[in-house]
Amino acid sequence: MEDGIQDWIYQCSFPDGTELQEHTLKTGNTIIIGDRCTIDYGLKGKDIVVCEFCTLNGSIVADGDVRIDNWCEINGDVIAAADAYLGEGVKVHGKLIVQGDLDVGDNVHIERGFEAKGWISIRNPMPVIAYLILYVMTLLKIDNPDEIDDALKEIFGEDEDEDDENPLLIPPSSNIDMKVFSVPTMMTIGNGCRLHGNIRASSIMVGRDNTIFGSLRANGLIRVGDGTQVHGNVEGGEEVAVAPGVHILGNVSGRTLALDEKARIDGTIRAPEGVRFEREVQEEA
């Protein structure tokens, strides 16, 4: 069961409407950050979970709970509209403001003081893996923990669920700075997102009607969905597929290129193994 949860975390997924602004990664959904990540952005979301040994160079603002695992360092404020849970050795270099209850582990350091309106308990909070099991069970509406693996395979298989409750996931060991958003896994971007920065991943799947101010680069496949604008180059190690209404303000390169006739590319095209032009088939009345 824990292996299933860990496999689920080890992906990068932006739900619909995500915004990667100049200093903040923002969504209306839950945010889950894998362990050993370094992120030069702040986070704003519903519930926010940060796994152990992470460094965030920005503030955390949650409309619900905040849960920060052991030995994390937050170079900003932590603000929770509900409860907050800080594991052992957590360092917060700004203020901590909690509207609900506060649980803190040993050796927690809060540099600029804290405000908590509920109960304060000095104890080691629930391990993040246990919390994520409960979270996933709630998300998938299942009662038996043994069903988690099968449910996750169904949701995050080839037919990905488009439920708006899907969390924003950053996989372990990701390194995200103000210039490059680099993850070691596949990245999935939902619909209607607005992102700033150059994106690097093993493969990239981009949904509809997004605006990306930066380049896309992947060792594998890249798919760019209907109506998306990319203000930069698109470079794939395998096929690059460009849907109708896409506008790429840069160059496109891939082993092969599948290009819809209603897409626009302002730069040069490089596809050593060929370009395939696609046309929408109109059904006869």
C-alpha atoms as a PDB file:
ATOM      1  CA  MET A   1       0.000   0.000   0.000  1.00  0.00           C
ATOM      2  CA  GLU A   2       2.789   2.440   0.863  1.00  0.00           C
ATOM      3  CA  ASP A   3       4.494   1.547  -2.439  1.00  0.00           C
ATOM      4  CA  GLY A   4       1.309   2.583  -4.255  1.00  0.00           C
ATOM      5  CA  ILE A   5       1.221   5.928  -2.439  1.00  0.00           C
ATOM      6  CA  GLN A   6       4.902   6.555  -3.164  1.00  0.00           C
ATOM      7  CA  ASP A   7       4.423   5.715  -6.859  1.00  0.00           C
ATOM      8  CA  TRP A   8       1.489   8.125  -6.929  1.00  0.00           C
ATOM      9  CA  ILE A   9       3.593  10.919  -5.431  1.00  0.00           C
ATOM     10  CA  TYR A  10       6.401  10.265  -7.908  1.00  0.00           C
ATOM     11  CA  GLN A  11       4.825  12.189 -10.774  1.00  0.00           C
ATOM     12  CA  CYS A  12       4.323  15.830 -11.645  1.00  0.00           C
ATOM     13  CA  SER A  13       0.774  17.007 -12.213  1.00  0.00           C
ATOM     14  CA  PHE A  14      -0.733  20.496 -12.489  1.00  0.00           C
ATOM     15  CA  PRO A  15      -4.539  20.542 -12.135  1.00  0.00           C
ATOM     16  CA  ASP A  16      -6.741  22.830 -14.212  1.00  0.00           C
ATOM     17  CA  GLY A  17      -6.261  26.543 -13.581  1.00  0.00           C
ATOM     18  CA  THR A  18      -2.801  26.322 -12.001  1.00  0.00           C
ATOM     19  CA  GLU A  19      -0.749  29.513 -12.094  1.00  0.00           C
ATOM     20  CA  LEU A  20       3.028  29.596 -11.774  1.00  0.00           C
ATOM     21  CA  GLN A  21       3.553  33.284 -11.125  1.00  0.00           C
ATOM     22  CA  GLU A  22       6.763  35.196 -10.591  1.00  0.00           C
ATOM     23  CA  HIS A  23       7.097  34.150  -6.949  1.00  0.00           C
ATOM     24  CA  THR A  24       4.166  31.817  -6.206  1.00  0.00           C
ATOM     25  CA  LEU A  25       2.854  28.450  -7.400  1.00  0.00           C
ATOM     26  CA  LYS A  26      -0.921  28.834  -7.048  1.00  0.00           C
ATOM     27  CA  THR A  27      -3.884  26.466  -7.347  1.00  0.00           C
ATOM     28  CA  GLY A  28      -7.331  26.040  -5.833  1.00  0.00           C
ATOM     29  CA  ASN A  29      -6.536  22.368  -5.096  1.00  0.00           C
ATOM     30  CA  THR A  30      -4.365  20.539  -2.588  1.00  0.00           C
ATOM     31  CA  ILE A  31      -0.577  20.783  -3.102  1.00  0.00           C
ATOM     32  CA  ILE A  32       1.719  17.842  -2.298  1.00  0.00           C
ATOM     33  CA  ILE A  33       5.501  18.315  -2.485  1.00  0.00           C
ATOM     34  CA  GLY A  34       7.648  15.160  -2.512  1.00  0.00           C
ATOM     35  CA  ASP A  35      10.696  14.755  -0.294  1.00  0.00           C
ATOM     36  CA  ARG A  36      14.083  16.389  -0.910  1.00  0.00           C
ATOM     37  CA  CYS A  37      12.791  19.125  -3.216  1.00  0.00           C
ATOM     38  CA  THR A  38      14.270  22.592  -3.548  1.00  0.00           C
ATOM     39  CA  ILE A  39      11.692  25.157  -4.676  1.00  0.00           C
ATOM     40  CA  ASP A  40      12.349  28.870  -5.145  1.00  0.00           C
ATOM     41  CA  TYR A  41       8.622  29.681  -5.142  1.00  0.00           C
ATOM     42  CA  GLY A  42       6.003  30.168  -2.493  1.00  0.00           C
ATOM     43  CA  LEU A  43       2.930  27.920  -2.445  1.00  0.00           C
ATOM     44  CA  LYS A  44      -0.747  28.889  -2.322  1.00  0.00           C
ATOM     45  CA  GLY A  45      -3.454  26.224  -2.327  1.00  0.00           C
ATOM     46  CA  LYS A  46      -6.159  24.368  -0.437  1.00  0.00           C
ATOM     47  CA  ASP A  47      -4.329  21.953   1.894  1.00  0.00           C
ATOM     48  CA  ILE A  48      -0.535  21.961   1.529  1.00  0.00           C
ATOM     49  CA  VAL A  49       1.680  18.977   2.336  1.00  0.00           C
ATOM     50  CA  VAL A  50       5.488  19.213   2.204  1.00  0.00           C
ATOM     51  CA  CYS A  51       7.403  15.958   2.652  1.00  0.00           C
ATOM     52  CA  GLU A  52      10.700  15.684   4.551  1.00  0.00           C
ATOM     53  CA  PHE A  53      14.030  17.394   3.781  1.00  0.00           C
ATOM     54  CA  CYS A  54      12.548  20.078   1.486  1.00  0.00           C
ATOM     55  CA  THR A  55      13.663  23.684   1.150  1.00  0.00           C
ATOM     56  CA  LEU A  56      11.139  26.332   0.045  1.00  0.00           C
ATOM     57  CA  ASN A  57      12.371  29.849  -0.653  1.00  0.00           C
ATOM     58  CA  GLY A  58       8.962  31.467  -0.308  1.00  0.00           C
ATOM     59  CA  SER A  59       5.854  31.571   1.847  1.00  0.00           C
ATOM     60  CA  ILE A  60       3.204  28.875   2.283  1.00  0.00           C
ATOM     61  CA  VAL A  61      -0.417  30.064   2.301  1.00  0.00           C
ATOM     62  CA  ALA A  62      -3.175  27.446   2.691  1.00  0.00           C
ATOM     63  CA  ASP A  63      -6.950  27.844   2.660  1.00  0.00           C
ATOM     64  CA  GLY A  64      -7.033  24.666   4.785  1.00  0.00           C
ATOM     65  CA  ASP A  65      -4.359  22.688   6.647  1.00  0.00           C
ATOM     66  CA  VAL A  66      -0.572  22.900   6.361  1.00  0.00           C
ATOM     67  CA  ARG A  67       1.518  19.805   7.041  1.00  0.00           C
ATOM     68  CA  ILE A  68       5.329  20.131   6.903  1.00  0.00           C
ATOM     69  CA  ASP A  69       7.348  16.978   7.478  1.00  0.00           C
ATOM     70  CA  ASN A  70      10.645  16.519   9.349  1.00  0.00           C
ATOM     71  CA  TRP A  71      13.725  18.659   8.703  1.00  0.00           C
ATOM     72  CA  CYS A  72      12.176  21.027   6.168  1.00  0.00           C
ATOM     73  CA  GLU A  73      13.231  24.663   5.863  1.00  0.00           C
ATOM     74  CA  ILE A  74      10.793  27.420   4.858  1.00  0.00           C
ATOM     75  CA  ASN A  75      12.367  30.776   3.977  1.00  0.00           C
ATOM     76  CA  GLY A  76       9.138  32.729   4.347  1.00  0.00           C
ATOM     77  CA  ASP A  77       5.889  32.774   6.306  1.00  0.00           C
ATOM     78  CA  VAL A  78       3.543  29.831   6.916  1.00  0.00           C
ATOM     79  CA  ILE A  79      -0.154  30.775   7.032  1.00  0.00           C
ATOM     80  CA  ALA A  80      -2.910  28.194   7.579  1.00  0.00           C
ATOM     81  CA  ALA A  81      -6.620  28.997   7.575  1.00  0.00           C
ATOM     82  CA  ALA A  82      -7.210  25.741   9.498  1.00  0.00           C
ATOM     83  CA  ASP A  83      -4.693  23.515  11.368  1.00  0.00           C
ATOM     84  CA  ALA A  84      -0.896  23.241  11.056  1.00  0.00           C
ATOM     85  CA  TYR A  85       1.420  20.301  11.699  1.00  0.00           C
ATOM     86  CA  LEU A  86       5.197  20.834  11.850  1.00  0.00           C
ATOM     87  CA  GLY A  87       7.460  17.788  12.144  1.00  0.00           C
ATOM     88  CA  GLU A  88      10.773  17.436  13.949  1.00  0.00           C
ATOM     89  CA  GLY A  89      13.514  19.899  13.055  1.00  0.00           C
ATOM     90  CA  VAL A  90      11.361  22.167  10.861  1.00  0.00           C
ATOM     91  CA  LYS A  91      12.681  25.711  10.456  1.00  0.00           C
ATOM     92  CA  VAL A  92      10.381  28.608   9.528  1.00  0.00           C
ATOM     93  CA  HIS A  93      12.349  31.806   8.916  1.00  0.00           C
ATOM     94  CA  GLY A  94       9.211  33.962   8.800  1.00  0.00           C
ATOM     95  CA  LYS A  95       6.007  34.049  10.856  1.00  0.00           C
ATOM     96  CA  LEU A  96       3.637  31.171  11.575  1.00  0.00           C
ATOM     97  CA  ILE A  97      -0.067  32.107  11.618  1.00  0.00           C
ATOM     98  CA  VAL A  98      -2.585  29.340  12.336  1.00  0.00           C
ATOM     99  CA  GLN A  99      -6.331  29.897  12.597  1.00  0.00           C
ATOM    100  CA  GLY A 100      -6.911  26.411  14.035  1.00  0.00           C
ATOM    101  CA  ASP A 101      -4.836  23.970  16.117  1.00  0.00           C
ATOM    102  CA  LEU A 102      -1.058  23.649  16.014  1.00  0.00           C
ATOM    103  CA  ASP A 103       0.948  20.430  16.445  1.00  0.00           C
ATOM    104  CA  VAL A 104       4.745  20.777  16.585  1.00  0.00           C
ATOM    105  CA  GLY A 105       7.469  18.163  16.940  1.00  0.00           C
ATOM    106  CA  ASP A 106      10.848  18.448  18.646  1.00  0.00           C
ATOM    107  CA  ASN A 107      13.423  21.115  17.748  1.00  0.00           C
ATOM    108  CA  VAL A 108      11.058  23.252  15.673  1.00  0.00           C
ATOM    109  CA  HIS A 109      12.360  26.788  15.089  1.00  0.00           C
ATOM    110  CA  ILE A 110      10.067  29.695  14.173  1.00  0.00           C
ATOM    111  CA  GLU A 111      12.169  32.800  13.665  1.00  0.00           C
ATOM    112  CA  ARG A 112       9.576  35.604  13.727  1.00  0.00           C
ATOM    113  CA  GLY A 113       7.075  34.161  16.200  1.00  0.00           C
ATOM    114  CA  PHE A 114       3.679  32.548  15.791  1.00  0.00           C
ATOM    115  CA  GLU A 115      -0.047  33.038  16.325  1.00  0.00           C
ATOM    116  CA  ALA A 116      -2.392  30.098  16.904  1.00  0.00           C
ATOM    117  CA  LYS A 117      -6.061  30.499  17.805  1.00  0.00           C
ATOM    118  CA  GLY A 118      -6.665  26.849  18.693  1.00  0.00           C
ATOM    119  CA  TRP A 119      -4.905  24.232  20.822  1.00  0.00           C
ATOM    120  CA  ILE A 120      -1.116  23.979  20.767  1.00  0.00           C
ATOM    121  CA  SER A 121       0.377  20.493  21.226  1.00  0.00           C
ATOM    122  CA  ILE A 122       4.103  19.751  21.415  1.00  0.00           C
ATOM    123  CA  ARG A 123       4.314  16.224  20.033  1.00  0.00           C
ATOM    124  CA  ASN A 124       5.431  14.514  16.862  1.00  0.00           C
ATOM    125  CA  PRO A 125       2.516  14.819  14.402  1.00  0.00           C
ATOM    126  CA  MET A 126       1.180  11.928  12.324  1.00  0.00           C
ATOM    127  CA  PRO A 127       3.764  10.743   9.751  1.00  0.00           C
ATOM    128  CA  VAL A 128       3.104  12.210   6.316  1.00  0.00           C
ATOM    129  CA  ILE A 129       2.785   8.775   4.683  1.00  0.00           C
ATOM    130  CA  ALA A 130      -0.048   7.919   7.094  1.00  0.00           C
ATOM    131  CA  TYR A 131      -1.716  11.251   6.365  1.00  0.00           C
ATOM    132  CA  LEU A 132      -1.425  10.662   2.605  1.00  0.00           C
ATOM    133  CA  ILE A 133      -3.058   7.249   2.930  1.00  0.00           C
ATOM    134  CA  LEU A 134      -6.032   8.877   4.645  1.00  0.00           C
ATOM    135  CA  TYR A 135      -6.034  11.704   2.100  1.00  0.00           C
ATOM    136  CA  VAL A 136      -6.064   9.338  -0.871  1.00  0.00           C
ATOM    137  CA  MET A 137      -8.812   7.223   0.688  1.00  0.00           C
ATOM    138  CA  THR A 138     -10.920  10.371   1.065  1.00  0.00           C
ATOM    139  CA  LEU A 139     -10.052  11.565  -2.447  1.00  0.00           C
ATOM    140  CA  LEU A 140     -11.000   8.249  -4.027  1.00  0.00           C
ATOM    141  CA  LYS A 141     -13.994   7.700  -1.729  1.00  0.00           C
ATOM    142  CA  ILE A 142     -12.872   4.226  -0.649  1.00  0.00           C
ATOM    143  CA  ASP A 143     -13.100   2.592   2.766  1.00  0.00           C
ATOM    144  CA  ASN A 144     -10.536  -0.216   2.514  1.00  0.00           C
ATOM    145  CA  PRO A 145      -6.834   0.790   2.392  1.00  0.00           C
ATOM    146  CA  ASP A 146      -6.069  -2.394   0.428  1.00  0.00           C
ATOM    147  CA  GLU A 147      -7.997  -0.940  -2.511  1.00  0.00           C
ATOM    148  CA  ILE A 148      -5.688   2.086  -2.856  1.00  0.00           C
ATOM    149  CA  ASP A 149      -3.234   0.558  -5.348  1.00  0.00           C
ATOM    150  CA  ASP A 150      -5.926  -0.523  -7.826  1.00  0.00           C
ATOM    151  CA  ALA A 151      -7.760   2.790  -7.526  1.00  0.00           C
ATOM    152  CA  LEU A 152      -4.594   4.813  -8.174  1.00  0.00           C
ATOM    153  CA  LYS A 153      -3.723   2.706 -11.218  1.00  0.00           C
ATOM    154  CA  GLU A 154      -7.181   3.357 -12.618  1.00  0.00           C
ATOM    155  CA  ILE A 155      -7.012   7.123 -12.055  1.00  0.00           C
ATOM    156  CA  PHE A 156      -3.433   7.731 -13.161  1.00  0.00           C
ATOM    157  CA  GLY A 157      -3.283   5.175 -15.937  1.00  0.00           C
ATOM    158  CA  GLU A 158      -3.795   5.974 -19.600  1.00  0.00           C
ATOM    159  CA  ASP A 159      -7.346   7.231 -19.008  1.00  0.00           C
ATOM    160  CA  GLU A 160      -6.514   9.934 -16.509  1.00  0.00           C
ATOM    161  CA  ASP A 161      -9.332  11.187 -14.338  1.00  0.00           C
ATOM    162  CA  GLU A 162     -10.059  14.874 -14.894  1.00  0.00           C
ATOM    163  CA  ASP A 163     -11.642  15.434 -11.490  1.00  0.00           C
ATOM    164  CA  ASP A 164     -11.042  19.008 -10.333  1.00  0.00           C
ATOM    165  CA  GLU A 165     -10.051  17.603  -6.929  1.00  0.00           C
ATOM    166  CA  ASN A 166      -6.844  16.101  -8.300  1.00  0.00           C
ATOM    167  CA  PRO A 167      -3.936  17.596  -6.325  1.00  0.00           C
ATOM    168  CA  LEU A 168      -0.960  19.515  -7.605  1.00  0.00           C
ATOM    169  CA  LEU A 169       1.938  17.064  -7.282  1.00  0.00           C
ATOM    170  CA  ILE A 170       5.665  17.816  -7.347  1.00  0.00           C
ATOM    171  CA  PRO A 171       7.745  14.596  -7.342  1.00  0.00           C
ATOM    172  CA  PRO A 172      10.653  13.929  -4.959  1.00  0.00           C
ATOM    173  CA  SER A 173      14.088  15.405  -5.738  1.00  0.00           C
ATOM    174  CA  SER A 174      12.709  18.157  -7.983  1.00  0.00           C
ATOM    175  CA  ASN A 175      14.742  21.344  -8.350  1.00  0.00           C
ATOM    176  CA  ILE A 176      12.652  24.379  -9.250  1.00  0.00           C
ATOM    177  CA  ASP A 177      14.140  27.848  -9.544  1.00  0.00           C
ATOM    178  CA  MET A 178      12.983  31.105 -11.098  1.00  0.00           C
ATOM    179  CA  LYS A 179      14.314  30.129 -14.548  1.00  0.00           C
ATOM    180  CA  VAL A 180      13.825  26.362 -14.841  1.00  0.00           C
ATOM    181  CA  PHE A 181      11.045  24.073 -13.605  1.00  0.00           C
ATOM    182  CA  SER A 182      12.866  20.741 -13.691  1.00  0.00           C
ATOM    183  CA  VAL A 183      11.362  17.410 -12.578  1.00  0.00           C
ATOM    184  CA  PRO A 184      12.790  13.882 -13.057  1.00  0.00           C
ATOM    185  CA  THR A 185       9.467  12.389 -14.216  1.00  0.00           C
ATOM    186  CA  MET A 186       6.630  12.928 -16.674  1.00  0.00           C
ATOM    187  CA  MET A 187       4.779  16.220 -16.296  1.00  0.00           C
ATOM    188  CA  THR A 188       1.047  16.585 -16.897  1.00  0.00           C
ATOM    189  CA  ILE A 189      -0.413  20.087 -17.240  1.00  0.00           C
ATOM    190  CA  GLY A 190      -4.200  20.455 -17.069  1.00  0.00           C
ATOM    191  CA  ASN A 191      -6.393  23.001 -18.844  1.00  0.00           C
ATOM    192  CA  GLY A 192      -6.433  26.779 -18.491  1.00  0.00           C
ATOM    193  CA  CYS A 193      -3.068  27.042 -16.713  1.00  0.00           C
ATOM    194  CA  ARG A 194      -0.731  30.040 -16.836  1.00  0.00           C
ATOM    195  CA  LEU A 195       2.916  29.165 -16.225  1.00  0.00           C
ATOM    196  CA  HIS A 196       6.151  31.162 -16.192  1.00  0.00           C
ATOM    197  CA  GLY A 197       9.504  29.428 -16.634  1.00  0.00           C
ATOM    198  CA  ASN A 198      11.286  26.865 -18.780  1.00  0.00           C
ATOM    199  CA  ILE A 199       9.902  23.360 -18.213  1.00  0.00           C
ATOM    200  CA  ARG A 200      12.115  20.247 -18.211  1.00  0.00           C
ATOM    201  CA  ALA A 201      10.754  16.720 -17.689  1.00  0.00           C
ATOM    202  CA  SER A 202      11.076  13.174 -19.009  1.00  0.00           C
ATOM    203  CA  SER A 203       7.911  13.747 -21.087  1.00  0.00           C
ATOM    204  CA  ILE A 204       5.338  16.539 -21.123  1.00  0.00           C
ATOM    205  CA  MET A 205       1.569  16.383 -21.667  1.00  0.00           C
ATOM    206  CA  VAL A 206      -0.060  19.816 -21.979  1.00  0.00           C
ATOM    207  CA  GLY A 207      -3.843  20.238 -21.898  1.00  0.00           C
ATOM    208  CA  ARG A 208      -6.087  22.821 -23.547  1.00  0.00           C
ATOM    209  CA  ASP A 209      -6.017  26.623 -23.510  1.00  0.00           C
ATOM    210  CA  ASN A 210      -2.827  27.081 -21.503  1.00  0.00           C
ATOM    211  CA  THR A 211      -0.332  29.953 -21.670  1.00  0.00           C
ATOM    212  CA  ILE A 212       3.306  29.025 -21.046  1.00  0.00           C
ATOM    213  CA  PHE A 213       5.932  31.767 -20.901  1.00  0.00           C
ATOM    214  CA  GLY A 214       8.995  29.595 -21.437  1.00  0.00           C
ATOM    215  CA  SER A 215      10.255  26.603 -23.354  1.00  0.00           C
ATOM    216  CA  LEU A 216       9.310  22.907 -23.149  1.00  0.00           C
ATOM    217  CA  ARG A 217      12.053  20.273 -23.239  1.00  0.00           C
ATOM    218  CA  ALA A 218      11.728  16.522 -22.700  1.00  0.00           C
ATOM    219  CA  ASN A 219      13.745  13.399 -23.441  1.00  0.00           C
ATOM    220  CA  GLY A 220      10.550  11.671 -24.539  1.00  0.00           C
ATOM    221  CA  LEU A 221       7.163  12.614 -25.962  1.00  0.00           C
ATOM    222  CA  ILE A 222       5.643  16.112 -25.904  1.00  0.00           C
ATOM    223  CA  ARG A 223       1.937  16.738 -26.586  1.00  0.00           C
ATOM    224  CA  VAL A 224       0.558  20.280 -26.736  1.00  0.00           C
ATOM    225  CA  GLY A 225      -3.246  20.531 -26.469  1.00  0.00           C
ATOM    226  CA  ASP A 226      -5.803  22.659 -28.316  1.00  0.00           C
ATOM    227  CA  GLY A 227      -5.529  26.427 -28.048  1.00  0.00           C
ATOM    228  CA  THR A 228      -2.322  26.487 -25.997  1.00  0.00           C
ATOM    229  CA  GLN A 229       0.284  29.224 -26.460  1.00  0.00           C
ATOM    230  CA  VAL A 230       3.978  28.498 -25.821  1.00  0.00           C
ATOM    231  CA  HIS A 231       6.240  31.569 -25.704  1.00  0.00           C
ATOM    232  CA  GLY A 232       9.443  29.622 -26.326  1.00  0.00           C
ATOM    233  CA  ASN A 233      10.904  26.566 -28.038  1.00  0.00           C
ATOM    234  CA  VAL A 234       9.493  23.036 -27.885  1.00  0.00           C
ATOM    235  CA  GLU A 235      12.150  20.278 -27.943  1.00  0.00           C
ATOM    236  CA  GLY A 236      11.252  16.588 -27.647  1.00  0.00           C
ATOM    237  CA  GLY A 237      13.476  13.522 -27.831  1.00  0.00           C
ATOM    238  CA  GLU A 238      10.671  11.515 -29.424  1.00  0.00           C
ATOM    239  CA  GLU A 239       7.476  12.675 -31.146  1.00  0.00           C
ATOM    240  CA  VAL A 240       6.155  16.198 -30.693  1.00  0.00           C
ATOM    241  CA  ALA A 241       2.383  16.418 -31.275  1.00  0.00           C
ATOM    242  CA  VAL A 242       0.814  19.850 -31.823  1.00  0.00           C
ATOM    243  CA  ALA A 243      -3.001  20.133 -31.695  1.00  0.00           C
ATOM    244  CA  PRO A 244      -5.385  22.580 -33.456  1.00  0.00           C
ATOM    245  CA  GLY A 245      -5.209  26.208 -32.408  1.00  0.00           C
ATOM    246  CA  VAL A 246      -1.768  25.874 -30.791  1.00  0.00           C
ATOM    247  CA  HIS A 247       0.582  28.841 -31.238  1.00  0.00           C
ATOM    248  CA  ILE A 248       4.286  28.231 -30.601  1.00  0.00           C
ATOM    249  CA  LEU A 249       6.347  31.419 -30.618  1.00  0.00           C
ATOM    250  CA  GLY A 250       9.636  29.639 -31.166  1.00  0.00           C
ATOM    251  CA  ASN A 251      11.249  26.600 -32.764  1.00  0.00           C
ATOM    252  CA  VAL A 252       9.952  23.031 -32.657  1.00  0.00           C
ATOM    253  CA  SER A 253      12.172  19.948 -32.805  1.00  0.00           C
ATOM    254  CA  GLY A 254      11.556  16.258 -32.264  1.00  0.00           C
ATOM    255  CA  ARG A 255      12.369  12.874 -33.743  1.00  0.00           C
ATOM    256  CA  THR A 256       9.007  13.133 -35.516  1.00  0.00           C
ATOM    257  CA  LEU A 257       6.396  15.879 -35.590  1.00  0.00           C
ATOM    258  CA  ALA A 258       2.603  15.505 -35.774  1.00  0.00           C
ATOM    259  CA  LEU A 259       1.338  18.965 -36.739  1.00  0.00           C
ATOM    260  CA  ASP A 260      -2.296  19.949 -37.089  1.00  0.00           C
ATOM    261  CA  GLU A 261      -3.042  22.201 -40.061  1.00  0.00           C
ATOM    262  CA  LYS A 262      -4.693  24.737 -37.725  1.00  0.00           C
ATOM    263  CA  ALA A 263      -1.605  25.106 -35.525  1.00  0.00           C
ATOM    264  CA  ARG A 264       0.904  27.927 -35.908  1.00  0.00           C
ATOM    265  CA  ILE A 265       4.675  27.746 -35.424  1.00  0.00           C
ATOM    266  CA  ASP A 266       6.620  31.002 -35.711  1.00  0.00           C
ATOM    267  CA  GLY A 267      10.113  29.470 -35.728  1.00  0.00           C
ATOM    268  CA  THR A 268      11.850  26.662 -37.572  1.00  0.00           C
ATOM    269  CA  ILE A 269      10.852  22.996 -37.579  1.00  0.00           C
ATOM    270  CA  ARG A 270      13.305  20.127 -37.188  1.00  0.00           C
ATOM    271  CA  ALA A 271      12.087  16.522 -37.401  1.00  0.00           C
ATOM    272  CA  PRO A 272      14.764  14.130 -38.776  1.00  0.00           C
ATOM    273  CA  GLU A 273      12.322  11.230 -39.173  1.00  0.00           C
ATOM    274  CA  GLY A 274       9.519  13.207 -40.751  1.00  0.00           C
ATOM    275  CA  VAL A 275       6.581  15.572 -40.302  1.00  0.00           C
ATOM    276  CA  ARG A 276       2.975  14.335 -40.364  1.00  0.00           C
ATOM    277  CA  PHE A 277       0.316  16.941 -41.128  1.00  0.00           C
ATOM    278  CA  GLU A 278      -3.059  16.237 -39.589  1.00  0.00           C
ATOM    279  CA  ARG A 279      -6.485  17.527 -40.581  1.00  0.00           C
ATOM    280  CA  GLU A 280      -9.752  17.359 -38.695  1.00  0.00           C
ATOM    281  CA  VAL A 281     -12.209  15.116 -40.547  1.00  0.00           C
ATOM    282  CA  GLN A 282     -15.614  16.767 -41.068  1.00  0.00           C
ATOM    283  CA  GLU A 283     -18.550  14.399 -40.738  1.00  0.00           C
ATOM    284  CA  GLU A 284     -21.114  14.580 -43.502  1.00  0.00           C
ATOM    285  CA  ALA A 285     -24.569  15.809 -42.518  1.00  0.00           C
END
